[in-house]
N, C-alpha and C. Protein backbone atom coordinates (compact mmCIF):
# COMPACT_ATOMS: atom_id res chain seq x y z
N UNK A 1 28.18 -14.26 -6.04
CA UNK A 1 28.21 -14.51 -7.57
C UNK A 1 29.51 -14.22 -8.10
N UNK A 2 30.05 -15.10 -8.87
CA UNK A 2 31.33 -14.84 -9.57
C UNK A 2 31.13 -13.82 -10.62
N UNK A 3 31.88 -12.64 -10.65
CA UNK A 3 31.60 -11.61 -11.55
C UNK A 3 31.98 -11.92 -12.95
N UNK A 4 32.78 -13.05 -13.08
CA UNK A 4 33.23 -13.51 -14.37
C UNK A 4 32.27 -14.32 -15.09
N UNK A 5 31.12 -14.77 -14.37
CA UNK A 5 30.15 -15.65 -15.07
C UNK A 5 28.76 -15.13 -14.81
N UNK A 6 28.64 -13.72 -14.95
CA UNK A 6 27.31 -13.07 -14.72
C UNK A 6 26.36 -13.61 -15.78
N UNK A 7 25.11 -13.88 -15.25
CA UNK A 7 24.11 -14.52 -16.05
C UNK A 7 23.35 -13.46 -16.91
N UNK A 8 22.56 -13.83 -17.82
CA UNK A 8 21.57 -12.84 -18.44
C UNK A 8 20.52 -12.65 -17.30
N UNK A 9 19.90 -11.44 -17.39
CA UNK A 9 18.90 -11.19 -16.46
C UNK A 9 19.18 -9.73 -15.77
N UNK A 10 18.46 -9.45 -14.71
CA UNK A 10 18.62 -8.26 -13.97
C UNK A 10 19.19 -8.40 -12.60
N UNK A 11 20.22 -7.75 -12.42
CA UNK A 11 20.92 -7.90 -11.00
C UNK A 11 21.57 -6.51 -10.65
N UNK A 12 22.11 -6.50 -9.46
CA UNK A 12 22.72 -5.20 -8.89
C UNK A 12 24.17 -5.35 -9.03
N UNK A 13 24.84 -4.32 -9.44
CA UNK A 13 26.25 -4.15 -9.46
C UNK A 13 26.54 -3.01 -8.48
N UNK A 14 27.68 -3.17 -7.78
CA UNK A 14 28.14 -2.05 -6.90
C UNK A 14 29.12 -1.18 -7.69
N UNK A 15 28.69 0.03 -7.83
CA UNK A 15 29.55 1.04 -8.66
C UNK A 15 30.41 1.85 -7.61
N UNK A 16 31.73 1.86 -7.81
CA UNK A 16 32.70 2.51 -6.95
C UNK A 16 32.71 4.08 -7.44
N UNK A 17 33.20 4.91 -6.47
CA UNK A 17 33.40 6.29 -6.80
C UNK A 17 34.39 6.37 -7.95
N UNK A 18 34.19 7.43 -8.72
CA UNK A 18 35.16 7.69 -9.84
C UNK A 18 34.78 7.04 -11.20
N UNK A 19 33.82 6.07 -11.12
CA UNK A 19 33.33 5.43 -12.24
C UNK A 19 32.04 6.06 -12.71
N UNK A 20 31.80 6.08 -14.00
CA UNK A 20 30.50 6.51 -14.53
C UNK A 20 29.58 5.26 -14.64
N UNK A 21 28.25 5.47 -14.74
CA UNK A 21 27.42 4.33 -14.99
C UNK A 21 27.69 3.60 -16.22
N UNK A 22 28.10 4.37 -17.22
CA UNK A 22 28.49 3.79 -18.57
C UNK A 22 29.65 2.91 -18.34
N UNK A 23 30.68 3.28 -17.52
CA UNK A 23 31.76 2.47 -17.17
C UNK A 23 31.35 1.14 -16.83
N UNK A 24 30.35 1.08 -15.89
CA UNK A 24 29.94 -0.21 -15.38
C UNK A 24 29.26 -1.07 -16.43
N UNK A 25 28.53 -0.46 -17.30
CA UNK A 25 27.89 -1.18 -18.44
C UNK A 25 29.04 -1.81 -19.35
N UNK A 26 30.03 -1.00 -19.63
CA UNK A 26 31.14 -1.61 -20.32
C UNK A 26 31.90 -2.67 -19.74
N UNK A 27 32.01 -2.63 -18.41
CA UNK A 27 32.70 -3.80 -17.67
C UNK A 27 31.75 -5.00 -17.77
N UNK A 28 30.51 -4.83 -17.61
CA UNK A 28 29.49 -5.93 -17.67
C UNK A 28 29.54 -6.57 -19.06
N UNK A 29 29.68 -5.76 -20.08
CA UNK A 29 29.78 -6.27 -21.47
C UNK A 29 30.94 -7.10 -21.55
N UNK A 30 32.14 -6.59 -21.03
CA UNK A 30 33.39 -7.21 -21.11
C UNK A 30 33.33 -8.68 -20.42
N UNK A 31 32.67 -8.69 -19.19
CA UNK A 31 32.73 -9.98 -18.48
C UNK A 31 31.66 -10.98 -18.91
N UNK A 32 30.61 -10.49 -19.59
CA UNK A 32 29.55 -11.34 -20.04
C UNK A 32 29.71 -11.73 -21.47
N UNK A 33 30.34 -10.86 -22.31
CA UNK A 33 30.36 -11.10 -23.74
C UNK A 33 29.03 -10.64 -24.53
N UNK A 34 28.11 -10.07 -23.62
CA UNK A 34 26.84 -9.74 -24.21
C UNK A 34 26.96 -8.14 -24.67
N UNK A 35 26.38 -7.86 -25.74
CA UNK A 35 26.39 -6.43 -26.29
C UNK A 35 25.17 -5.71 -25.70
N UNK A 36 24.09 -6.46 -25.58
CA UNK A 36 22.78 -5.90 -25.07
C UNK A 36 22.85 -5.69 -23.49
N UNK A 37 23.38 -4.67 -23.03
CA UNK A 37 23.45 -4.30 -21.57
C UNK A 37 22.98 -2.89 -21.28
N UNK A 38 22.23 -2.78 -20.28
CA UNK A 38 21.76 -1.45 -19.84
C UNK A 38 21.63 -1.31 -18.37
N UNK A 39 21.35 -0.07 -17.89
CA UNK A 39 21.15 0.12 -16.41
C UNK A 39 19.98 0.97 -16.19
N UNK A 40 19.45 0.91 -14.94
CA UNK A 40 18.33 1.60 -14.60
C UNK A 40 18.68 2.64 -13.46
N UNK A 41 18.75 3.89 -13.78
CA UNK A 41 18.97 4.92 -12.93
C UNK A 41 20.50 5.30 -12.68
N UNK A 42 20.86 6.35 -13.31
CA UNK A 42 22.28 6.70 -13.34
C UNK A 42 22.78 7.10 -11.89
N UNK A 43 24.00 6.75 -11.61
CA UNK A 43 24.63 7.29 -10.46
C UNK A 43 25.84 8.20 -10.90
N UNK A 44 25.91 9.42 -10.24
CA UNK A 44 26.93 10.34 -10.63
C UNK A 44 28.37 9.66 -10.39
N UNK A 45 29.38 10.24 -11.07
CA UNK A 45 30.66 9.58 -10.77
C UNK A 45 31.19 9.69 -9.45
N UNK A 46 30.89 10.70 -8.66
CA UNK A 46 31.35 10.84 -7.31
C UNK A 46 30.45 10.07 -6.28
N UNK A 47 29.44 9.48 -6.82
CA UNK A 47 28.60 8.58 -6.02
C UNK A 47 29.00 7.16 -6.04
N UNK A 48 28.59 6.38 -5.14
CA UNK A 48 28.84 4.95 -5.18
C UNK A 48 27.60 4.14 -4.81
N UNK A 49 27.59 2.87 -5.03
CA UNK A 49 26.51 2.07 -4.49
C UNK A 49 25.83 1.27 -5.63
N UNK A 50 24.48 0.95 -5.35
CA UNK A 50 23.75 -0.06 -6.25
C UNK A 50 23.38 0.55 -7.51
N UNK A 51 23.85 -0.06 -8.66
CA UNK A 51 23.39 0.17 -9.99
C UNK A 51 22.76 -1.07 -10.51
N UNK A 52 21.49 -0.92 -10.90
CA UNK A 52 20.79 -2.18 -11.40
C UNK A 52 21.05 -2.22 -12.88
N UNK A 53 21.54 -3.42 -13.22
CA UNK A 53 21.93 -3.66 -14.58
C UNK A 53 21.10 -4.84 -15.31
N UNK A 54 20.82 -4.64 -16.50
CA UNK A 54 20.17 -5.65 -17.31
C UNK A 54 21.08 -6.27 -18.31
N UNK A 55 21.14 -7.57 -18.46
CA UNK A 55 22.03 -8.26 -19.41
C UNK A 55 21.10 -9.02 -20.34
N UNK A 56 21.13 -8.81 -21.64
CA UNK A 56 20.33 -9.55 -22.50
C UNK A 56 19.09 -8.80 -22.91
N UNK A 57 18.60 -8.95 -24.09
CA UNK A 57 17.46 -8.14 -24.56
C UNK A 57 16.25 -8.23 -23.72
N UNK A 58 15.75 -9.36 -23.26
CA UNK A 58 14.50 -9.43 -22.38
C UNK A 58 14.75 -8.68 -21.13
N UNK A 59 15.99 -8.66 -20.58
CA UNK A 59 16.21 -7.93 -19.29
C UNK A 59 16.30 -6.50 -19.46
N UNK A 60 16.88 -6.09 -20.56
CA UNK A 60 17.03 -4.54 -20.69
C UNK A 60 15.58 -3.96 -20.96
N UNK A 61 14.74 -4.76 -21.53
CA UNK A 61 13.37 -4.33 -21.79
C UNK A 61 12.58 -4.10 -20.53
N UNK A 62 13.06 -4.81 -19.46
CA UNK A 62 12.36 -4.76 -18.12
C UNK A 62 12.98 -3.76 -17.23
N UNK A 63 13.99 -3.07 -17.64
CA UNK A 63 14.74 -2.24 -16.66
C UNK A 63 13.91 -1.02 -16.25
N UNK A 64 12.85 -0.67 -16.89
CA UNK A 64 12.01 0.44 -16.50
C UNK A 64 11.27 0.12 -15.19
N UNK A 65 11.12 -1.23 -14.95
CA UNK A 65 10.44 -1.60 -13.59
C UNK A 65 11.42 -1.19 -12.46
N UNK A 66 12.77 -1.48 -12.62
CA UNK A 66 13.64 -1.12 -11.58
C UNK A 66 13.82 0.43 -11.52
N UNK A 67 13.90 1.03 -12.62
CA UNK A 67 14.02 2.59 -12.59
C UNK A 67 12.82 3.20 -11.84
N UNK A 68 11.64 2.65 -11.88
CA UNK A 68 10.50 3.21 -11.12
C UNK A 68 10.35 2.76 -9.69
N UNK A 69 11.39 2.00 -9.14
CA UNK A 69 11.26 1.47 -7.80
C UNK A 69 11.82 2.56 -6.83
N UNK A 70 11.46 2.35 -5.56
CA UNK A 70 11.99 3.26 -4.51
C UNK A 70 13.45 2.96 -4.37
N UNK A 71 14.14 4.07 -3.86
CA UNK A 71 15.56 3.93 -3.68
C UNK A 71 15.93 4.37 -2.20
N UNK A 72 17.04 3.75 -1.77
CA UNK A 72 17.60 4.24 -0.40
C UNK A 72 19.00 4.87 -0.60
N UNK A 73 19.20 5.88 0.08
CA UNK A 73 20.52 6.57 -0.01
C UNK A 73 20.98 6.83 1.46
N UNK A 74 22.35 6.86 1.56
CA UNK A 74 23.02 7.47 2.68
C UNK A 74 23.96 8.65 2.14
N UNK A 75 23.77 9.80 2.72
CA UNK A 75 24.55 10.90 2.11
C UNK A 75 25.14 11.70 3.23
N UNK A 76 26.35 12.35 2.92
CA UNK A 76 26.94 13.32 3.78
C UNK A 76 26.73 14.73 3.08
N UNK A 77 26.11 15.65 3.78
CA UNK A 77 25.91 16.95 3.20
C UNK A 77 26.85 17.92 3.94
N UNK A 78 27.52 18.68 3.17
CA UNK A 78 28.39 19.68 3.79
C UNK A 78 27.75 21.08 3.71
N UNK A 79 27.48 21.74 4.82
CA UNK A 79 26.88 23.01 4.97
C UNK A 79 28.02 24.05 5.02
N UNK A 80 27.60 25.30 4.72
CA UNK A 80 28.53 26.45 4.72
C UNK A 80 29.06 26.78 3.31
N UNK A 81 28.72 26.00 2.40
CA UNK A 81 29.26 26.18 0.93
C UNK A 81 28.07 25.98 0.04
N UNK A 82 28.18 26.59 -1.17
CA UNK A 82 27.36 26.27 -2.32
C UNK A 82 28.32 25.65 -3.38
N UNK A 83 27.80 24.81 -4.33
CA UNK A 83 28.46 24.27 -5.34
C UNK A 83 27.62 24.38 -6.70
N UNK A 84 28.32 24.63 -7.73
CA UNK A 84 27.62 24.77 -9.03
C UNK A 84 26.91 23.52 -9.43
N UNK A 85 27.46 22.38 -9.03
CA UNK A 85 26.84 21.07 -9.36
C UNK A 85 26.00 20.53 -8.21
N UNK A 86 26.06 21.12 -7.07
CA UNK A 86 25.24 20.71 -5.85
C UNK A 86 26.02 19.47 -5.29
N UNK A 87 27.20 19.21 -5.71
CA UNK A 87 28.08 18.13 -5.03
C UNK A 87 29.49 18.62 -5.00
N UNK A 88 30.37 17.80 -4.61
CA UNK A 88 31.73 18.22 -4.27
C UNK A 88 32.60 18.52 -5.52
N UNK A 89 32.01 18.09 -6.67
CA UNK A 89 32.75 18.21 -8.01
C UNK A 89 32.66 19.66 -8.65
N UNK A 90 31.72 20.51 -8.13
CA UNK A 90 31.47 21.69 -8.76
C UNK A 90 32.37 22.82 -8.31
N UNK A 91 32.08 24.01 -8.84
CA UNK A 91 32.82 25.22 -8.45
C UNK A 91 32.12 25.66 -7.09
N UNK A 92 32.84 25.87 -6.18
CA UNK A 92 32.37 26.20 -4.72
C UNK A 92 32.50 27.65 -4.29
N UNK A 93 31.50 28.00 -3.52
CA UNK A 93 31.51 29.38 -3.02
C UNK A 93 31.18 29.24 -1.57
N UNK A 94 32.07 29.82 -0.69
CA UNK A 94 31.77 29.73 0.76
C UNK A 94 30.63 30.81 1.12
N UNK A 95 29.87 30.30 2.12
CA UNK A 95 28.70 31.19 2.54
C UNK A 95 29.04 31.77 3.92
N UNK A 96 28.84 33.02 4.06
CA UNK A 96 29.03 33.64 5.35
C UNK A 96 27.87 33.33 6.37
N UNK A 97 28.17 32.40 7.20
CA UNK A 97 27.12 31.91 8.05
C UNK A 97 27.14 32.69 9.44
N UNK A 98 26.09 33.30 9.75
CA UNK A 98 26.08 34.12 11.06
C UNK A 98 25.85 33.26 12.23
N UNK A 99 25.00 32.26 12.04
CA UNK A 99 24.73 31.36 13.18
C UNK A 99 24.70 29.88 12.76
N UNK A 100 25.54 29.12 13.41
CA UNK A 100 25.56 27.67 13.08
C UNK A 100 24.29 27.02 13.64
N UNK A 101 23.51 26.36 12.65
CA UNK A 101 22.26 25.68 13.13
C UNK A 101 22.45 24.64 14.23
N UNK A 102 21.40 24.54 15.01
CA UNK A 102 21.52 23.49 16.09
C UNK A 102 20.98 22.12 15.45
N UNK A 103 21.12 21.11 16.25
CA UNK A 103 20.75 19.76 15.80
C UNK A 103 19.25 19.80 15.69
N UNK A 104 18.40 20.50 16.46
CA UNK A 104 17.10 20.58 16.38
C UNK A 104 16.59 21.28 15.04
N UNK A 105 17.32 22.33 14.75
CA UNK A 105 17.04 23.03 13.52
C UNK A 105 17.25 22.20 12.28
N UNK A 106 18.30 21.35 12.33
CA UNK A 106 18.53 20.40 11.35
C UNK A 106 17.40 19.44 11.08
N UNK A 107 17.05 18.94 12.36
CA UNK A 107 15.90 17.86 12.32
C UNK A 107 14.64 18.44 11.75
N UNK A 108 14.26 19.69 12.20
CA UNK A 108 13.11 20.38 11.64
C UNK A 108 13.14 20.58 10.18
N UNK A 109 14.34 20.99 9.70
CA UNK A 109 14.48 21.31 8.31
C UNK A 109 14.37 20.04 7.44
N UNK A 110 14.90 18.95 7.89
CA UNK A 110 14.90 17.63 7.27
C UNK A 110 13.42 17.25 7.07
N UNK A 111 12.62 17.35 8.14
CA UNK A 111 11.27 16.88 8.09
C UNK A 111 10.50 17.69 7.09
N UNK A 112 10.91 18.84 6.68
CA UNK A 112 10.18 19.55 5.60
C UNK A 112 10.36 19.02 4.25
N UNK A 113 11.26 18.00 4.10
CA UNK A 113 11.37 17.36 2.79
C UNK A 113 10.72 16.00 2.80
N UNK A 114 10.07 15.65 3.91
CA UNK A 114 9.44 14.31 3.77
C UNK A 114 8.03 14.47 3.21
N UNK A 115 7.64 13.51 2.36
CA UNK A 115 6.36 13.46 1.68
C UNK A 115 6.59 13.87 0.26
N UNK A 116 5.48 14.31 -0.37
CA UNK A 116 5.52 14.73 -1.77
C UNK A 116 5.91 16.27 -1.76
N UNK A 117 7.01 16.49 -2.43
CA UNK A 117 7.57 17.85 -2.40
C UNK A 117 7.81 18.41 -3.87
N UNK A 118 7.91 19.63 -3.99
CA UNK A 118 8.26 20.23 -5.26
C UNK A 118 9.69 20.43 -5.42
N UNK A 119 10.40 19.77 -6.35
CA UNK A 119 11.89 19.85 -6.41
C UNK A 119 12.31 20.34 -7.68
N UNK A 120 13.27 21.29 -7.68
CA UNK A 120 13.86 21.82 -8.97
C UNK A 120 15.09 20.98 -9.19
N UNK A 121 15.22 20.23 -10.26
CA UNK A 121 16.37 19.49 -10.56
C UNK A 121 17.60 20.21 -10.63
N UNK A 122 18.87 19.73 -10.34
CA UNK A 122 20.09 20.49 -10.49
C UNK A 122 20.36 20.88 -11.90
N UNK A 123 21.00 22.14 -12.12
CA UNK A 123 21.40 22.57 -13.42
C UNK A 123 22.22 21.44 -14.21
N UNK A 124 23.17 20.91 -13.39
CA UNK A 124 23.97 19.80 -13.99
C UNK A 124 23.24 18.46 -13.75
N UNK A 125 22.30 18.19 -14.65
CA UNK A 125 21.61 16.94 -14.64
C UNK A 125 21.19 16.54 -16.09
N UNK A 126 20.64 15.40 -16.23
CA UNK A 126 20.29 14.87 -17.50
C UNK A 126 18.87 15.21 -17.97
N UNK A 127 18.20 16.04 -17.15
CA UNK A 127 16.81 16.47 -17.49
C UNK A 127 16.91 17.26 -18.84
N UNK A 128 16.08 16.87 -19.79
CA UNK A 128 16.13 17.40 -21.16
C UNK A 128 15.58 18.86 -21.19
N UNK A 129 16.20 19.61 -21.98
CA UNK A 129 15.71 21.02 -22.45
C UNK A 129 15.79 21.05 -23.81
N UNK A 130 14.60 21.09 -24.52
CA UNK A 130 14.58 21.09 -26.02
C UNK A 130 15.31 19.80 -26.48
N UNK A 131 15.27 18.80 -25.91
CA UNK A 131 15.88 17.47 -26.41
C UNK A 131 17.32 17.33 -25.96
N UNK A 132 17.87 18.30 -25.32
CA UNK A 132 19.26 18.20 -24.93
C UNK A 132 19.29 18.26 -23.39
N UNK A 133 20.35 17.42 -22.79
CA UNK A 133 20.44 17.40 -21.36
C UNK A 133 20.89 18.76 -20.87
N UNK A 134 20.28 19.06 -19.62
CA UNK A 134 20.53 20.36 -19.06
C UNK A 134 22.01 20.67 -18.80
N UNK A 135 22.84 19.52 -18.42
CA UNK A 135 24.22 19.72 -18.08
C UNK A 135 25.08 20.24 -19.24
N UNK A 136 24.61 20.00 -20.42
CA UNK A 136 25.33 20.69 -21.65
C UNK A 136 25.21 22.16 -21.61
N UNK A 137 24.08 22.67 -21.25
CA UNK A 137 23.86 24.07 -21.16
C UNK A 137 24.63 24.69 -20.02
N UNK A 138 24.63 23.95 -18.86
CA UNK A 138 25.29 24.42 -17.57
C UNK A 138 26.78 24.41 -17.88
N UNK A 139 27.33 23.42 -18.55
CA UNK A 139 28.79 23.30 -18.80
C UNK A 139 29.25 24.51 -19.72
N UNK A 140 28.33 24.92 -20.62
CA UNK A 140 28.58 26.11 -21.48
C UNK A 140 28.29 27.40 -20.80
N UNK A 141 27.99 27.38 -19.49
CA UNK A 141 27.69 28.55 -18.66
C UNK A 141 26.48 29.29 -19.29
N UNK A 142 25.50 28.54 -19.85
CA UNK A 142 24.20 29.14 -20.26
C UNK A 142 23.20 29.05 -19.13
N UNK A 143 22.27 30.00 -19.15
CA UNK A 143 21.24 29.91 -18.07
C UNK A 143 20.39 28.67 -18.20
N UNK A 144 20.32 28.06 -17.11
CA UNK A 144 19.49 26.75 -17.08
C UNK A 144 18.28 27.06 -16.13
N UNK A 145 17.06 27.01 -16.68
CA UNK A 145 15.75 27.22 -15.83
C UNK A 145 14.95 26.05 -15.86
N UNK A 146 15.13 25.12 -14.94
CA UNK A 146 14.33 23.89 -14.98
C UNK A 146 13.18 23.99 -14.11
N UNK A 147 12.06 23.43 -14.69
CA UNK A 147 10.78 23.56 -13.92
C UNK A 147 10.69 22.61 -12.82
N UNK A 148 10.35 23.12 -11.62
CA UNK A 148 10.12 22.20 -10.46
C UNK A 148 9.12 21.08 -10.75
N UNK A 149 9.31 19.87 -10.15
CA UNK A 149 8.42 18.83 -10.35
C UNK A 149 8.12 18.15 -9.04
N UNK A 150 7.03 17.42 -8.95
CA UNK A 150 6.59 16.82 -7.72
C UNK A 150 7.34 15.40 -7.66
N UNK A 151 8.00 15.21 -6.44
CA UNK A 151 8.66 13.90 -6.19
C UNK A 151 8.25 13.55 -4.76
N UNK A 152 8.72 12.38 -4.38
CA UNK A 152 8.35 11.77 -3.02
C UNK A 152 9.53 11.39 -2.24
N UNK A 153 9.68 11.83 -0.99
CA UNK A 153 10.61 11.37 -0.09
C UNK A 153 9.93 10.55 0.93
N UNK A 154 10.06 9.25 0.93
CA UNK A 154 9.18 8.46 1.82
C UNK A 154 9.74 8.43 3.32
N UNK A 155 11.00 8.42 3.42
CA UNK A 155 11.67 8.56 4.82
C UNK A 155 12.85 9.33 4.64
N UNK A 156 13.11 10.05 5.78
CA UNK A 156 14.28 10.87 5.91
C UNK A 156 14.76 10.83 7.39
N UNK A 157 16.05 10.60 7.61
CA UNK A 157 16.41 10.34 8.92
C UNK A 157 17.88 10.96 9.13
N UNK A 158 18.00 11.66 10.14
CA UNK A 158 19.30 12.24 10.55
C UNK A 158 20.10 11.19 11.34
N UNK A 159 21.21 10.93 10.70
CA UNK A 159 22.21 9.92 11.20
C UNK A 159 23.17 10.45 12.21
N UNK A 160 23.66 11.65 11.81
CA UNK A 160 24.73 12.38 12.53
C UNK A 160 24.82 13.79 12.15
N UNK A 161 25.18 14.64 13.08
CA UNK A 161 25.45 16.07 12.81
C UNK A 161 26.70 16.66 13.55
N UNK A 162 27.65 17.00 12.81
CA UNK A 162 28.91 17.58 13.36
C UNK A 162 29.30 18.67 12.40
N UNK A 163 28.88 19.93 12.73
CA UNK A 163 29.17 21.04 11.79
C UNK A 163 30.49 20.97 11.18
N UNK A 164 30.51 21.10 9.85
CA UNK A 164 29.50 21.40 8.85
C UNK A 164 28.83 20.23 8.10
N UNK A 165 29.06 18.97 8.73
CA UNK A 165 28.57 17.83 8.02
C UNK A 165 27.24 17.26 8.64
N UNK A 166 26.40 16.93 7.77
CA UNK A 166 25.09 16.39 8.17
C UNK A 166 24.94 14.96 7.39
N UNK A 167 24.88 13.93 8.20
CA UNK A 167 24.69 12.59 7.58
C UNK A 167 23.16 12.14 7.61
N UNK A 168 22.74 11.79 6.44
CA UNK A 168 21.24 11.51 6.26
C UNK A 168 21.07 10.21 5.61
N UNK A 169 20.00 9.52 6.03
CA UNK A 169 19.46 8.37 5.27
C UNK A 169 18.22 8.71 4.69
N UNK A 170 17.91 8.35 3.53
CA UNK A 170 16.53 8.70 3.02
C UNK A 170 16.09 7.57 2.10
N UNK A 171 14.81 7.36 1.89
CA UNK A 171 14.11 6.56 0.95
C UNK A 171 13.28 7.26 0.11
N UNK A 172 13.50 7.18 -1.20
CA UNK A 172 12.77 8.15 -2.15
C UNK A 172 12.00 7.30 -3.16
N UNK A 173 11.03 8.01 -3.75
CA UNK A 173 10.46 7.47 -4.95
C UNK A 173 11.28 7.82 -6.19
N UNK A 174 10.87 7.46 -7.40
CA UNK A 174 11.71 7.76 -8.57
C UNK A 174 11.76 9.29 -8.85
N UNK A 175 12.95 9.68 -9.53
CA UNK A 175 13.05 11.11 -9.90
C UNK A 175 13.66 11.99 -8.92
N UNK A 176 13.98 11.51 -7.67
CA UNK A 176 14.45 12.44 -6.65
C UNK A 176 15.93 12.69 -6.91
N UNK A 177 16.39 13.95 -6.70
CA UNK A 177 17.82 14.24 -6.73
C UNK A 177 18.30 14.57 -5.35
N UNK A 178 19.10 13.65 -4.79
CA UNK A 178 19.68 13.96 -3.55
C UNK A 178 20.43 15.29 -3.46
N UNK A 179 21.16 15.58 -4.57
CA UNK A 179 21.89 16.78 -4.61
C UNK A 179 21.04 18.03 -4.52
N UNK A 180 19.75 17.93 -5.04
CA UNK A 180 18.83 18.99 -4.85
C UNK A 180 18.37 19.17 -3.43
N UNK A 181 18.15 18.14 -2.81
CA UNK A 181 17.87 18.14 -1.35
C UNK A 181 18.89 18.73 -0.46
N UNK A 182 20.17 18.45 -0.72
CA UNK A 182 21.32 19.10 -0.06
C UNK A 182 21.31 20.58 -0.37
N UNK A 183 21.15 20.95 -1.59
CA UNK A 183 21.10 22.38 -1.91
C UNK A 183 19.96 23.11 -1.27
N UNK A 184 18.75 22.47 -1.26
CA UNK A 184 17.55 23.17 -0.66
C UNK A 184 17.69 23.19 0.83
N UNK A 185 18.31 22.11 1.47
CA UNK A 185 18.46 22.10 2.90
C UNK A 185 19.31 23.34 3.30
N UNK A 186 20.36 23.55 2.58
CA UNK A 186 21.28 24.66 2.74
C UNK A 186 20.52 26.03 2.66
N UNK A 187 19.57 26.04 1.72
CA UNK A 187 18.80 27.30 1.54
C UNK A 187 17.87 27.53 2.68
N UNK A 188 17.21 26.46 3.15
CA UNK A 188 16.39 26.61 4.36
C UNK A 188 17.02 27.00 5.55
N UNK A 189 18.33 26.54 5.74
CA UNK A 189 19.11 26.86 6.93
C UNK A 189 19.95 28.14 6.82
N UNK A 190 19.94 28.69 5.61
CA UNK A 190 20.67 29.96 5.25
C UNK A 190 22.15 29.63 5.33
N UNK A 191 22.67 28.50 4.98
CA UNK A 191 23.96 28.14 5.21
C UNK A 191 24.58 27.74 3.85
N UNK A 192 23.79 27.43 2.75
CA UNK A 192 24.26 26.80 1.60
C UNK A 192 24.58 25.25 1.90
N UNK A 193 24.59 24.40 1.00
CA UNK A 193 24.93 23.14 1.17
C UNK A 193 25.02 22.24 -0.19
N UNK A 194 25.90 21.25 -0.05
CA UNK A 194 25.99 20.40 -1.24
C UNK A 194 26.41 18.98 -0.74
N UNK A 195 26.22 18.00 -1.64
CA UNK A 195 26.56 16.59 -1.32
C UNK A 195 28.02 16.39 -1.31
N UNK A 196 28.56 15.96 -0.18
CA UNK A 196 30.04 15.56 -0.04
C UNK A 196 30.24 14.19 -0.39
N UNK A 197 29.36 13.30 0.12
CA UNK A 197 29.44 11.89 -0.21
C UNK A 197 27.97 11.39 -0.46
N UNK A 198 27.87 10.35 -1.24
CA UNK A 198 26.65 9.69 -1.54
C UNK A 198 26.83 8.26 -1.86
N UNK A 199 25.90 7.41 -1.11
CA UNK A 199 26.01 6.04 -1.48
C UNK A 199 24.37 5.58 -1.65
N UNK A 200 24.19 4.91 -2.80
CA UNK A 200 22.88 4.27 -2.93
C UNK A 200 22.94 2.94 -2.39
N UNK A 201 22.19 2.60 -1.34
CA UNK A 201 22.27 1.37 -0.74
C UNK A 201 21.17 0.34 -1.22
N UNK A 202 20.10 0.84 -1.91
CA UNK A 202 19.06 -0.07 -2.30
C UNK A 202 18.36 0.50 -3.47
N UNK A 203 17.90 -0.37 -4.51
CA UNK A 203 17.01 0.05 -5.54
C UNK A 203 15.95 -1.07 -5.52
N UNK A 204 14.65 -0.71 -5.07
CA UNK A 204 13.69 -1.75 -4.94
C UNK A 204 14.14 -2.87 -4.09
N UNK A 205 14.13 -4.14 -4.63
CA UNK A 205 14.57 -5.31 -3.87
C UNK A 205 16.01 -5.62 -3.90
N UNK A 206 16.81 -4.66 -4.75
CA UNK A 206 18.24 -5.00 -4.95
C UNK A 206 19.04 -4.23 -3.95
N UNK A 207 19.78 -4.89 -3.01
CA UNK A 207 20.44 -4.22 -1.99
C UNK A 207 21.92 -4.19 -2.14
N UNK A 208 22.61 -3.36 -1.44
CA UNK A 208 23.98 -3.25 -1.44
C UNK A 208 24.67 -4.60 -1.17
N UNK A 209 24.04 -5.39 -0.23
CA UNK A 209 24.62 -6.61 0.24
C UNK A 209 24.66 -7.66 -0.92
N UNK A 210 23.72 -7.68 -1.79
CA UNK A 210 23.60 -8.65 -2.91
C UNK A 210 24.32 -8.21 -4.12
N UNK A 211 24.85 -6.92 -4.12
CA UNK A 211 25.47 -6.34 -5.39
C UNK A 211 26.73 -7.09 -5.74
N UNK A 212 26.93 -7.28 -6.95
CA UNK A 212 28.13 -7.83 -7.58
C UNK A 212 29.25 -6.71 -7.62
N UNK A 213 30.44 -7.05 -7.20
CA UNK A 213 31.53 -6.16 -7.33
C UNK A 213 32.39 -6.67 -8.45
N UNK A 214 32.55 -5.74 -9.49
CA UNK A 214 33.27 -6.23 -10.65
C UNK A 214 34.74 -5.85 -10.56
N UNK A 215 35.63 -6.73 -11.00
CA UNK A 215 37.04 -6.36 -11.09
C UNK A 215 37.18 -5.17 -12.11
N UNK A 216 38.19 -4.36 -11.97
CA UNK A 216 38.33 -3.22 -12.90
C UNK A 216 38.67 -3.65 -14.26
N UNK A 217 39.33 -4.90 -14.46
CA UNK A 217 39.72 -5.34 -15.74
C UNK A 217 39.23 -6.78 -15.93
């Protein structure tokens, strides 16, 4: 698809690292001339991959369908460290690791995240506290106490392990924070952990391969 003649409707855009989801919306507005543009499911600036975008009023009204779809991710988790944001952009603290976990320990720990699990969202997230996003409190260094909620991890697969990096593919239901899985994996292993790299490869039927790549200008 020619990115300069994007139609009205719902389609996938490939978001590069360093861009915010709002940056993508602004680019789509620029290339389509449409003011009514929205997206389904924010991607953090340090993440890349599929962002589902709606162009035109009818499409933006249907974005909730995509937001509720399952999602596929490929992530690289770095063990041996903790991060305030649970990804590479936060303030980091090295963990004194007495024993480097084996591949089997990694596999066993990952299996504990498959199915319906209780997950505490990251402090730096858009989850609302009294109508305000949690990340505003976290940035002000105020205590953020988010209630765990049930989410579903449908598939989780170890792709590679070479200490301190763990490469994982997962398919999730809505509302899952991959950063929280990295954090909690590190806690299970007593190593700490955060997301070093993250790519969303699919949202429902919208895949990385079909995603439009927008020119920067």
